[in-house]
Amino acid sequence: MDYPLPFADRFPSVTVESTVDTRAEPYCYTYDSS
C-alpha cells in the first residue's frame, strides 16, 4: 500500500493506497452496475 507511483516531473508521486478507492478524492467516481 505504501509503494510510491512516480510520475516523473509531471505530477507528484502518489502511493498505491491513494489509488485503490475510486470514491475518494481526487477520483470521486463509481460505475453503474445495472
All heavy atoms as atom14 arrays in JSON, in Angstrom:
{
  "sequence": "MDYPLPFADRFPSVTVESTVDTRAEPYCYTYDSS",
  "atom14_mask": [
    [1, 1, 1, 1, 1, 1, 1, 1, 0, 0, 0, 0, 0, 0],
    [1, 1, 1, 1, 1, 1, 1, 1, 0, 0, 0, 0, 0, 0],
    [1, 1, 1, 1, 1, 1, 1, 1, 1, 1, 1, 1, 0, 0],
    [1, 1, 1, 1, 1, 1, 1, 0, 0, 0, 0, 0, 0, 0],
    [1, 1, 1, 1, 1, 1, 1, 1, 0, 0, 0, 0, 0, 0],
    [1, 1, 1, 1, 1, 1, 1, 0, 0, 0, 0, 0, 0, 0],
    [1, 1, 1, 1, 1, 1, 1, 1, 1, 1, 1, 0, 0, 0],
    [1, 1, 1, 1, 1, 0, 0, 0, 0, 0, 0, 0, 0, 0],
    [1, 1, 1, 1, 1, 1, 1, 1, 0, 0, 0, 0, 0, 0],
    [1, 1, 1, 1, 1, 1, 1, 1, 1, 1, 1, 0, 0, 0],
    [1, 1, 1, 1, 1, 1, 1, 1, 1, 1, 1, 0, 0, 0],
    [1, 1, 1, 1, 1, 1, 1, 0, 0, 0, 0, 0, 0, 0],
    [1, 1, 1, 1, 1, 1, 0, 0, 0, 0, 0, 0, 0, 0],
    [1, 1, 1, 1, 1, 1, 1, 0, 0, 0, 0, 0, 0, 0],
    [1, 1, 1, 1, 1, 1, 1, 0, 0, 0, 0, 0, 0, 0],
    [1, 1, 1, 1, 1, 1, 1, 0, 0, 0, 0, 0, 0, 0],
    [1, 1, 1, 1, 1, 1, 1, 1, 1, 0, 0, 0, 0, 0],
    [1, 1, 1, 1, 1, 1, 0, 0, 0, 0, 0, 0, 0, 0],
    [1, 1, 1, 1, 1, 1, 1, 0, 0, 0, 0, 0, 0, 0],
    [1, 1, 1, 1, 1, 1, 1, 0, 0, 0, 0, 0, 0, 0],
    [1, 1, 1, 1, 1, 1, 1, 1, 0, 0, 0, 0, 0, 0],
    [1, 1, 1, 1, 1, 1, 1, 0, 0, 0, 0, 0, 0, 0],
    [1, 1, 1, 1, 1, 1, 1, 1, 1, 1, 1, 0, 0, 0],
    [1, 1, 1, 1, 1, 0, 0, 0, 0, 0, 0, 0, 0, 0],
    [1, 1, 1, 1, 1, 1, 1, 1, 1, 0, 0, 0, 0, 0],
    [1, 1, 1, 1, 1, 1, 1, 0, 0, 0, 0, 0, 0, 0],
    [1, 1, 1, 1, 1, 1, 1, 1, 1, 1, 1, 1, 0, 0],
    [1, 1, 1, 1, 1, 1, 0, 0, 0, 0, 0, 0, 0, 0],
    [1, 1, 1, 1, 1, 1, 1, 1, 1, 1, 1, 1, 0, 0],
    [1, 1, 1, 1, 1, 1, 1, 0, 0, 0, 0, 0, 0, 0],
    [1, 1, 1, 1, 1, 1, 1, 1, 1, 1, 1, 1, 0, 0],
    [1, 1, 1, 1, 1, 1, 1, 1, 0, 0, 0, 0, 0, 0],
    [1, 1, 1, 1, 1, 1, 0, 0, 0, 0, 0, 0, 0, 0],
    [1, 1, 1, 1, 1, 1, 0, 0, 0, 0, 0, 0, 0, 0]
  ],
  "atom14_positions": [
    [[0.8, -1.21, 0.0], [0.0, 0.0, 0.0], [0.85, 1.28, 0.0], [0.42, 2.3, -0.53], [-0.94, 0.01, 1.22], [-2.17, -0.84, 1.02], [-3.22, -0.16, -0.28], [-4.3, -1.54, -0.56], [0.0, 0.0, 0.0], [0.0, 0.0, 0.0], [0.0, 0.0, 0.0], [0.0, 0.0, 0.0], [0.0, 0.0, 0.0], [0.0, 0.0, 0.0]],
    [[2.02, 1.21, 0.58], [2.85, 2.42, 0.64], [3.84, 2.52, -0.51], [4.69, 3.41, -0.53], [3.58, 2.51, 1.98], [4.47, 1.32, 2.24], [4.49, 0.38, 1.41], [5.15, 1.3, 3.28], [0.0, 0.0, 0.0], [0.0, 0.0, 0.0], [0.0, 0.0, 0.0], [0.0, 0.0, 0.0], [0.0, 0.0, 0.0], [0.0, 0.0, 0.0]],
    [[3.71, 1.62, -1.49], [4.62, 1.68, -2.64], [4.35, 2.95, -3.45], [3.2, 3.24, -3.8], [4.45, 0.45, -3.53], [5.42, 0.41, -4.68], [6.73, -0.01, -4.49], [5.03, 0.83, -5.96], [7.64, -0.03, -5.54], [5.94, 0.82, -7.01], [7.24, 0.39, -6.78], [8.14, 0.39, -7.83], [0.0, 0.0, 0.0], [0.0, 0.0, 0.0]],
    [[5.38, 3.75, -3.76], [5.16, 5.01, -4.49], [5.03, 4.79, -5.99], [5.74, 3.98, -6.58], [6.42, 5.82, -4.17], [7.48, 4.77, -3.94], [6.78, 3.59, -3.32], [0.0, 0.0, 0.0], [0.0, 0.0, 0.0], [0.0, 0.0, 0.0], [0.0, 0.0, 0.0], [0.0, 0.0, 0.0], [0.0, 0.0, 0.0], [0.0, 0.0, 0.0]],
    [[4.11, 5.52, -6.59], [3.91, 5.51, -8.04], [4.41, 6.84, -8.59], [3.75, 7.86, -8.47], [2.44, 5.31, -8.38], [1.79, 4.05, -7.81], [0.28, 4.08, -8.04], [2.39, 2.8, -8.42], [0.0, 0.0, 0.0], [0.0, 0.0, 0.0], [0.0, 0.0, 0.0], [0.0, 0.0, 0.0], [0.0, 0.0, 0.0], [0.0, 0.0, 0.0]],
    [[5.6, 6.86, -9.2], [6.17, 8.13, -9.67], [5.59, 8.56, -11.0], [5.25, 7.75, -11.85], [7.66, 7.8, -9.8], [7.69, 6.34, -10.12], [6.51, 5.73, -9.39], [0.0, 0.0, 0.0], [0.0, 0.0, 0.0], [0.0, 0.0, 0.0], [0.0, 0.0, 0.0], [0.0, 0.0, 0.0], [0.0, 0.0, 0.0], [0.0, 0.0, 0.0]],
    [[5.5, 9.86, -11.2], [5.03, 10.44, -12.46], [6.07, 11.4, -13.03], [5.73, 12.41, -13.64], [3.7, 11.18, -12.23], [2.55, 10.26, -11.98], [2.23, 9.86, -10.69], [1.79, 9.77, -13.03], [1.16, 9.01, -10.45], [0.72, 8.92, -12.81], [0.41, 8.54, -11.51], [0.0, 0.0, 0.0], [0.0, 0.0, 0.0], [0.0, 0.0, 0.0]],
    [[7.33, 11.06, -12.84], [8.45, 11.88, -13.32], [8.24, 13.32, -12.84], [7.96, 13.55, -11.67], [8.56, 11.78, -14.84], [0.0, 0.0, 0.0], [0.0, 0.0, 0.0], [0.0, 0.0, 0.0], [0.0, 0.0, 0.0], [0.0, 0.0, 0.0], [0.0, 0.0, 0.0], [0.0, 0.0, 0.0], [0.0, 0.0, 0.0], [0.0, 0.0, 0.0]],
    [[8.35, 14.28, -13.74], [8.22, 15.68, -13.33], [6.84, 16.25, -13.67], [6.62, 17.46, -13.59], [9.3, 16.53, -13.98], [9.27, 16.45, -15.51], [8.53, 15.59, -16.03], [9.97, 17.23, -16.16], [0.0, 0.0, 0.0], [0.0, 0.0, 0.0], [0.0, 0.0, 0.0], [0.0, 0.0, 0.0], [0.0, 0.0, 0.0], [0.0, 0.0, 0.0]],
    [[5.89, 15.38, -14.02], [4.58, 15.87, -14.45], [3.59, 16.02, -13.3], [2.79, 16.93, -13.28], [4.01, 14.95, -15.52], [4.72, 15.15, -16.86], [4.46, 14.06, -17.85], [4.99, 14.37, -19.15], [6.28, 14.44, -19.47], [7.2, 14.29, -18.53], [6.68, 14.7, -20.7], [0.0, 0.0, 0.0], [0.0, 0.0, 0.0], [0.0, 0.0, 0.0]],
    [[3.64, 15.09, -12.36], [2.74, 15.13, -11.21], [3.49, 14.65, -9.98], [4.47, 13.9, -10.1], [1.5, 14.24, -11.44], [0.72, 14.56, -12.66], [0.88, 13.82, -13.83], [-0.18, 15.61, -12.67], [0.15, 14.11, -14.97], [-0.92, 15.92, -13.82], [-0.75, 15.17, -14.96], [0.0, 0.0, 0.0], [0.0, 0.0, 0.0], [0.0, 0.0, 0.0]],
    [[3.04, 15.01, -8.81], [3.65, 14.46, -7.59], [3.42, 12.95, -7.52], [2.41, 12.43, -8.01], [2.9, 15.19, -6.46], [2.28, 16.39, -7.1], [1.99, 16.0, -8.51], [0.0, 0.0, 0.0], [0.0, 0.0, 0.0], [0.0, 0.0, 0.0], [0.0, 0.0, 0.0], [0.0, 0.0, 0.0], [0.0, 0.0, 0.0], [0.0, 0.0, 0.0]],
    [[4.34, 12.24, -6.92], [4.18, 10.8, -6.72], [3.02, 10.53, -5.77], [2.72, 11.34, -4.89], [5.47, 10.19, -6.15], [6.53, 10.32, -7.07], [0.0, 0.0, 0.0], [0.0, 0.0, 0.0], [0.0, 0.0, 0.0], [0.0, 0.0, 0.0], [0.0, 0.0, 0.0], [0.0, 0.0, 0.0], [0.0, 0.0, 0.0], [0.0, 0.0, 0.0]],
    [[2.37, 9.42, -5.96], [1.29, 9.0, -5.07], [1.56, 7.57, -4.61], [2.34, 6.86, -5.23], [-0.09, 9.08, -5.76], [-0.39, 10.5, -6.19], [-0.14, 8.14, -6.97], [0.0, 0.0, 0.0], [0.0, 0.0, 0.0], [0.0, 0.0, 0.0], [0.0, 0.0, 0.0], [0.0, 0.0, 0.0], [0.0, 0.0, 0.0], [0.0, 0.0, 0.0]],
    [[0.92, 7.15, -3.55], [1.06, 5.78, -3.09], [-0.05, 4.92, -3.67], [-1.1, 5.42, -4.08], [0.99, 5.7, -1.56], [-0.3, 6.15, -1.13], [2.1, 6.55, -0.92], [0.0, 0.0, 0.0], [0.0, 0.0, 0.0], [0.0, 0.0, 0.0], [0.0, 0.0, 0.0], [0.0, 0.0, 0.0], [0.0, 0.0, 0.0], [0.0, 0.0, 0.0]],
    [[0.17, 3.61, -3.69], [-0.85, 2.69, -4.15], [-2.13, 2.86, -3.34], [-3.23, 2.86, -3.87], [-0.34, 1.23, -4.04], [-1.48, 0.24, -4.24], [0.76, 0.99, -5.05], [0.0, 0.0, 0.0], [0.0, 0.0, 0.0], [0.0, 0.0, 0.0], [0.0, 0.0, 0.0], [0.0, 0.0, 0.0], [0.0, 0.0, 0.0], [0.0, 0.0, 0.0]],
    [[-1.99, 3.06, -2.03], [-3.16, 3.2, -1.16], [-4.08, 4.32, -1.6], [-5.3, 4.22, -1.48], [-2.72, 3.43, 0.28], [-3.87, 3.49, 1.27], [-3.42, 3.61, 2.7], [-2.22, 3.86, 2.92], [-4.26, 3.43, 3.6], [0.0, 0.0, 0.0], [0.0, 0.0, 0.0], [0.0, 0.0, 0.0], [0.0, 0.0, 0.0], [0.0, 0.0, 0.0]],
    [[-3.51, 5.38, -2.15], [-4.33, 6.53, -2.55], [-5.05, 6.33, -3.87], [-5.81, 7.19, -4.31], [-3.46, 7.79, -2.63], [-2.56, 7.7, -3.73], [0.0, 0.0, 0.0], [0.0, 0.0, 0.0], [0.0, 0.0, 0.0], [0.0, 0.0, 0.0], [0.0, 0.0, 0.0], [0.0, 0.0, 0.0], [0.0, 0.0, 0.0], [0.0, 0.0, 0.0]],
    [[-4.84, 5.18, -4.52], [-5.43, 4.96, -5.84], [-6.51, 3.88, -5.87], [-7.18, 3.72, -6.88], [-4.35, 4.56, -6.86], [-3.84, 3.26, -6.53], [-3.21, 5.56, -6.88], [0.0, 0.0, 0.0], [0.0, 0.0, 0.0], [0.0, 0.0, 0.0], [0.0, 0.0, 0.0], [0.0, 0.0, 0.0], [0.0, 0.0, 0.0], [0.0, 0.0, 0.0]],
    [[-6.66, 3.11, -4.79], [-7.5, 1.91, -4.88], [-8.98, 2.17, -4.68], [-9.81, 1.33, -5.02], [-7.03, 0.84, -3.87], [-5.63, 0.36, -4.21], [-7.1, 1.36, -2.45], [0.0, 0.0, 0.0], [0.0, 0.0, 0.0], [0.0, 0.0, 0.0], [0.0, 0.0, 0.0], [0.0, 0.0, 0.0], [0.0, 0.0, 0.0], [0.0, 0.0, 0.0]],
    [[-9.36, 3.33, -4.11], [-10.76, 3.62, -3.86], [-11.23, 4.73, -4.78], [-10.89, 5.9, -4.61], [-10.94, 4.04, -2.39], [-12.41, 4.14, -1.99], [-13.29, 4.07, -2.87], [-12.67, 4.3, -0.78], [0.0, 0.0, 0.0], [0.0, 0.0, 0.0], [0.0, 0.0, 0.0], [0.0, 0.0, 0.0], [0.0, 0.0, 0.0], [0.0, 0.0, 0.0]],
    [[-12.02, 4.38, -5.78], [-12.46, 5.38, -6.77], [-13.42, 6.39, -6.16], [-13.64, 7.46, -6.74], [-13.16, 4.71, -7.97], [-14.38, 4.1, -7.55], [-12.25, 3.67, -8.61], [0.0, 0.0, 0.0], [0.0, 0.0, 0.0], [0.0, 0.0, 0.0], [0.0, 0.0, 0.0], [0.0, 0.0, 0.0], [0.0, 0.0, 0.0], [0.0, 0.0, 0.0]],
    [[-13.99, 6.09, -5.0], [-14.93, 7.03, -4.36], [-14.21, 8.2, -3.71], [-14.82, 9.23, -3.43], [-15.76, 6.29, -3.31], [-16.55, 5.1, -3.85], [-17.08, 4.25, -2.72], [-15.98, 3.76, -1.87], [-16.15, 3.05, -0.76], [-17.38, 2.74, -0.36], [-15.11, 2.64, -0.05], [0.0, 0.0, 0.0], [0.0, 0.0, 0.0], [0.0, 0.0, 0.0]],
    [[-12.92, 8.03, -3.42], [-12.16, 9.03, -2.69], [-11.59, 10.07, -3.64], [-11.44, 9.84, -4.84], [-11.03, 8.37, -1.9], [0.0, 0.0, 0.0], [0.0, 0.0, 0.0], [0.0, 0.0, 0.0], [0.0, 0.0, 0.0], [0.0, 0.0, 0.0], [0.0, 0.0, 0.0], [0.0, 0.0, 0.0], [0.0, 0.0, 0.0], [0.0, 0.0, 0.0]],
    [[-11.25, 11.24, -3.09], [-10.56, 12.26, -3.88], [-9.16, 11.77, -4.24], [-8.55, 11.02, -3.5], [-10.47, 13.56, -3.08], [-11.81, 14.22, -2.84], [-11.68, 15.56, -2.14], [-10.55, 15.91, -1.72], [-12.69, 16.25, -2.01], [0.0, 0.0, 0.0], [0.0, 0.0, 0.0], [0.0, 0.0, 0.0], [0.0, 0.0, 0.0], [0.0, 0.0, 0.0]],
    [[-8.65, 12.14, -5.41], [-9.22, 13.1, -6.37], [-10.13, 12.46, -7.42], [-10.51, 13.11, -8.38], [-7.97, 13.67, -7.02], [-7.04, 12.5, -7.07], [-7.29, 11.73, -5.79], [0.0, 0.0, 0.0], [0.0, 0.0, 0.0], [0.0, 0.0, 0.0], [0.0, 0.0, 0.0], [0.0, 0.0, 0.0], [0.0, 0.0, 0.0], [0.0, 0.0, 0.0]],
    [[-10.48, 11.19, -7.26], [-11.22, 10.48, -8.31], [-12.72, 10.75, -8.24], [-13.32, 11.24, -9.19], [-10.92, 8.98, -8.21], [-9.44, 8.7, -8.12], [-8.86, 8.32, -6.92], [-8.63, 8.88, -9.23], [-7.49, 8.11, -6.84], [-7.26, 8.66, -9.15], [-6.7, 8.28, -7.96], [-5.36, 8.08, -7.86], [0.0, 0.0, 0.0], [0.0, 0.0, 0.0]],
    [[-13.33, 10.37, -7.12], [-14.75, 10.69, -6.88], [-15.67, 10.15, -7.98], [-16.46, 10.88, -8.57], [-14.94, 12.2, -6.73], [-13.97, 12.93, -5.4], [0.0, 0.0, 0.0], [0.0, 0.0, 0.0], [0.0, 0.0, 0.0], [0.0, 0.0, 0.0], [0.0, 0.0, 0.0], [0.0, 0.0, 0.0], [0.0, 0.0, 0.0], [0.0, 0.0, 0.0]],
    [[-15.55, 8.86, -8.28], [-16.46, 8.25, -9.24], [-16.74, 6.81, -8.85], [-15.98, 6.18, -8.12], [-15.89, 8.31, -10.67], [-14.69, 7.42, -10.92], [-14.87, 6.1, -11.34], [-13.4, 7.89, -10.76], [-13.78, 5.27, -11.59], [-12.3, 7.07, -11.0], [-12.49, 5.76, -11.42], [-11.42, 4.94, -11.65], [0.0, 0.0, 0.0], [0.0, 0.0, 0.0]],
    [[-17.86, 6.3, -9.33], [-18.18, 4.88, -9.28], [-18.7, 4.48, -10.65], [-18.84, 5.32, -11.54], [-19.24, 4.56, -8.21], [-20.44, 5.27, -8.51], [-18.75, 4.96, -6.81], [0.0, 0.0, 0.0], [0.0, 0.0, 0.0], [0.0, 0.0, 0.0], [0.0, 0.0, 0.0], [0.0, 0.0, 0.0], [0.0, 0.0, 0.0], [0.0, 0.0, 0.0]],
    [[-19.0, 3.19, -10.8], [-19.55, 2.7, -12.07], [-20.99, 2.23, -11.86], [-21.37, 1.81, -10.77], [-18.71, 1.55, -12.6], [-17.35, 1.96, -13.11], [-16.22, 1.84, -12.3], [-17.19, 2.47, -14.39], [-14.96, 2.21, -12.77], [-15.94, 2.86, -14.86], [-14.83, 2.71, -14.05], [-13.6, 3.09, -14.5], [0.0, 0.0, 0.0], [0.0, 0.0, 0.0]],
    [[-21.74, 2.3, -12.93], [-23.11, 1.8, -12.92], [-23.07, 0.27, -12.95], [-22.35, -0.32, -13.76], [-23.84, 2.34, -14.15], [-25.34, 2.09, -14.11], [-25.77, 1.22, -13.34], [-26.06, 2.77, -14.86], [0.0, 0.0, 0.0], [0.0, 0.0, 0.0], [0.0, 0.0, 0.0], [0.0, 0.0, 0.0], [0.0, 0.0, 0.0], [0.0, 0.0, 0.0]],
    [[-23.84, -0.37, -12.08], [-23.83, -1.83, -12.03], [-25.09, -2.44, -12.64], [-25.35, -3.63, -12.48], [-23.7, -2.31, -10.58], [-24.76, -1.79, -9.79], [0.0, 0.0, 0.0], [0.0, 0.0, 0.0], [0.0, 0.0, 0.0], [0.0, 0.0, 0.0], [0.0, 0.0, 0.0], [0.0, 0.0, 0.0], [0.0, 0.0, 0.0], [0.0, 0.0, 0.0]],
    [[-25.88, -1.65, -13.36], [-27.11, -2.15, -13.97], [-26.79, -3.08, -15.14], [-25.67, -3.15, -15.63], [-27.97, -0.99, -14.45], [-27.33, -0.32, -15.53], [0.0, 0.0, 0.0], [0.0, 0.0, 0.0], [0.0, 0.0, 0.0], [0.0, 0.0, 0.0], [0.0, 0.0, 0.0], [0.0, 0.0, 0.0], [0.0, 0.0, 0.0], [0.0, 0.0, 0.0]]
  ]
}
